[in-house]
Amino acid sequence: MGEHVLVAVDGSEESLHALEHAFDLTDVDITVITVVDPFDVDPLTPGLQSPLGKAGLPAYSQEWYEKEWNNAKELHEVLRDRADNFDGEYESVVKLGNPAKQILHYAAEHAIDQIVLGAASDDRFSHVLLGSIAETVTKRANITVTVVR
């Protein structure tokens, strides 16, 4: 059995480059993870904060969650087609919560050997989100983290 690689994918071009990079690795099994993040984090207030201003409460309606969850599942179906020529084991998961925490937690719980992430894009908003996730995962992981541009 080869190395088990966790690839974080959110549908962005950068995350798709990360998946392609993982497909190019030899003797690996791949798990693709997408994390639906319903919370806003206020760095001045402890705990999760929603845009509604209520600590720890979900930010959006049940319909929003279902739509985002379904979008993530559809993305994973499309990505599975890209894995047709991949020789290793391939699986995908969708989680709900803080992306960096969910990626790290999944890696620890499933004996992941390496995490592959896309670098932040040039889009200003995307850079803030993806850059902070990659930075957090890189700093806190006790395994190899590869950030792909």
Protein backbone atom coordinates (compact mmCIF):
# COMPACT_ATOMS: atom_id res chain seq x y z
CA MET A 1 0.00 0.00 0.00
CA GLY A 2 1.28 3.46 -0.90
CA GLU A 3 0.99 6.80 0.75
CA HIS A 4 -2.49 8.14 1.61
CA VAL A 5 -2.91 11.70 0.32
CA LEU A 6 -5.69 14.10 1.35
CA VAL A 7 -6.52 16.75 -1.27
CA ALA A 8 -8.62 19.74 -0.25
CA VAL A 9 -10.84 20.86 -3.13
CA ASP A 10 -13.29 23.75 -3.21
CA GLY A 11 -13.86 23.98 -6.96
CA SER A 12 -11.36 26.79 -7.49
CA GLU A 13 -8.77 26.51 -10.24
CA GLU A 14 -6.02 26.35 -7.62
CA SER A 15 -7.62 23.42 -5.81
CA LEU A 16 -8.10 21.58 -9.11
CA HIS A 17 -4.37 22.07 -9.78
CA ALA A 18 -3.74 20.48 -6.38
CA LEU A 19 -5.81 17.45 -7.38
CA GLU A 20 -3.95 17.12 -10.68
CA HIS A 21 -0.67 17.28 -8.74
CA ALA A 22 -1.88 14.44 -6.50
CA PHE A 23 -2.85 12.36 -9.55
CA ASP A 24 0.75 12.72 -10.78
CA LEU A 25 2.20 11.25 -7.55
CA THR A 26 3.25 7.63 -7.71
CA ASP A 27 1.95 4.83 -5.53
CA VAL A 28 -0.65 6.89 -3.64
CA ASP A 29 -4.26 6.56 -2.59
CA ILE A 30 -6.25 9.79 -2.69
CA THR A 31 -9.08 11.14 -0.58
CA VAL A 32 -10.63 14.38 -1.79
CA ILE A 33 -12.20 16.56 0.91
CA THR A 34 -14.48 19.56 0.54
CA VAL A 35 -15.52 21.49 3.64
CA VAL A 36 -18.68 23.58 3.66
CA ASP A 37 -17.99 26.46 6.06
CA PRO A 38 -21.14 28.04 7.50
CA PHE A 39 -19.41 30.22 10.08
CA ASP A 40 -17.74 33.57 10.14
CA VAL A 41 -14.79 33.79 12.49
CA ASP A 42 -14.42 37.01 14.44
CA PRO A 43 -10.78 37.13 15.60
CA LEU A 44 -11.69 39.42 18.51
CA THR A 45 -14.40 37.15 19.92
CA PRO A 46 -13.70 33.62 21.17
CA GLY A 47 -15.66 30.82 19.51
CA LEU A 48 -17.47 30.70 16.22
CA GLN A 49 -19.55 33.69 15.23
CA SER A 50 -22.30 33.78 12.64
CA PRO A 51 -23.08 36.78 10.44
CA LEU A 52 -26.27 37.01 12.51
CA GLY A 53 -24.13 37.98 15.50
CA LYS A 54 -25.01 34.95 17.63
CA ALA A 55 -22.02 33.00 18.92
CA GLY A 56 -21.95 29.44 17.69
CA LEU A 57 -25.16 29.67 15.67
CA PRO A 58 -25.29 28.67 12.03
CA ALA A 59 -25.06 31.58 9.67
CA TYR A 60 -27.59 30.53 7.07
CA SER A 61 -30.87 28.69 6.58
CA GLN A 62 -31.28 24.94 6.26
CA GLU A 63 -31.89 25.45 2.54
CA TRP A 64 -28.50 27.17 2.21
CA TYR A 65 -26.76 24.22 3.88
CA GLU A 66 -28.55 21.72 1.66
CA LYS A 67 -27.67 23.71 -1.48
CA GLU A 68 -23.99 24.00 -0.51
CA TRP A 69 -23.83 20.34 0.51
CA ASN A 70 -25.41 19.30 -2.81
CA ASN A 71 -23.02 21.59 -4.73
CA ALA A 72 -20.08 19.92 -2.99
CA LYS A 73 -21.44 16.44 -3.77
CA GLU A 74 -21.91 17.43 -7.45
CA LEU A 75 -18.33 18.73 -7.55
CA HIS A 76 -17.14 15.37 -6.21
CA GLU A 77 -19.07 13.51 -8.92
CA VAL A 78 -17.32 15.60 -11.58
CA LEU A 79 -13.95 15.03 -9.91
CA ARG A 80 -14.55 11.27 -9.78
CA ASP A 81 -14.70 11.33 -13.59
CA ARG A 82 -11.23 12.92 -13.61
CA ALA A 83 -9.99 9.99 -11.53
CA ASP A 84 -10.90 7.39 -14.17
CA ASN A 85 -7.26 6.97 -15.24
CA PHE A 86 -5.90 7.11 -11.69
CA ASP A 87 -4.43 3.78 -10.57
CA GLY A 88 -4.75 4.11 -6.78
CA GLU A 89 -7.71 4.04 -4.43
CA TYR A 90 -9.89 7.15 -4.74
CA GLU A 91 -12.57 8.37 -2.36
CA SER A 92 -14.22 11.65 -1.51
CA VAL A 93 -15.80 13.20 1.55
CA VAL A 94 -17.74 16.36 2.32
CA LYS A 95 -17.58 17.84 5.81
CA LEU A 96 -19.22 20.79 7.53
CA GLY A 97 -17.25 23.26 9.67
CA ASN A 98 -14.06 25.24 9.72
CA PRO A 99 -12.04 24.11 6.68
CA ALA A 100 -8.59 24.10 8.27
CA LYS A 101 -9.80 22.28 11.38
CA GLN A 102 -11.76 19.72 9.38
CA ILE A 103 -8.81 19.03 7.07
CA LEU A 104 -6.44 18.56 10.01
CA HIS A 105 -8.95 16.45 11.95
CA TYR A 106 -9.64 14.20 8.98
CA ALA A 107 -5.91 13.77 8.36
CA ALA A 108 -5.29 12.78 11.97
CA GLU A 109 -8.25 10.40 12.16
CA HIS A 110 -7.56 8.59 8.87
CA ALA A 111 -3.78 8.04 8.89
CA ILE A 112 -3.16 10.54 6.11
CA ASP A 113 0.51 10.78 5.07
CA GLN A 114 0.35 14.03 3.08
CA ILE A 115 -2.05 16.93 2.55
CA VAL A 116 -2.19 18.70 -0.80
CA LEU A 117 -3.79 22.16 -1.05
CA GLY A 118 -4.16 24.78 -3.72
CA ALA A 119 -2.39 28.09 -3.16
CA ALA A 120 -4.41 31.27 -2.87
CA SER A 121 -5.68 32.71 -6.11
CA ASP A 122 -5.13 36.25 -7.35
CA ASP A 123 -8.72 37.11 -6.45
CA ARG A 124 -8.52 39.30 -3.35
CA PHE A 125 -11.40 37.61 -1.48
CA SER A 126 -10.23 34.13 -2.41
CA HIS A 127 -6.70 34.99 -1.31
CA VAL A 128 -7.87 35.84 2.19
CA LEU A 129 -9.83 32.59 2.58
CA LEU A 130 -7.62 30.12 0.78
CA GLY A 131 -4.43 31.74 1.99
CA SER A 132 -5.47 31.51 5.62
CA ILE A 133 -6.57 27.88 5.27
CA ALA A 134 -3.32 26.83 3.60
CA GLU A 135 -1.31 28.78 6.16
CA THR A 136 -3.15 27.24 9.12
CA VAL A 137 -2.92 23.70 7.76
CA THR A 138 0.77 24.15 6.95
CA LYS A 139 1.59 25.47 10.42
CA ARG A 140 -0.44 22.93 12.39
CA ALA A 141 -0.05 19.69 10.46
CA ASN A 142 2.46 17.18 11.74
CA ILE A 143 2.69 15.58 8.29
CA THR A 144 3.90 16.79 4.89
CA VAL A 145 1.78 19.56 3.38
CA THR A 146 2.20 20.46 -0.28
CA VAL A 147 0.79 23.78 -1.49
CA VAL A 148 0.32 23.81 -5.26
CA ARG A 149 0.11 26.94 -7.42
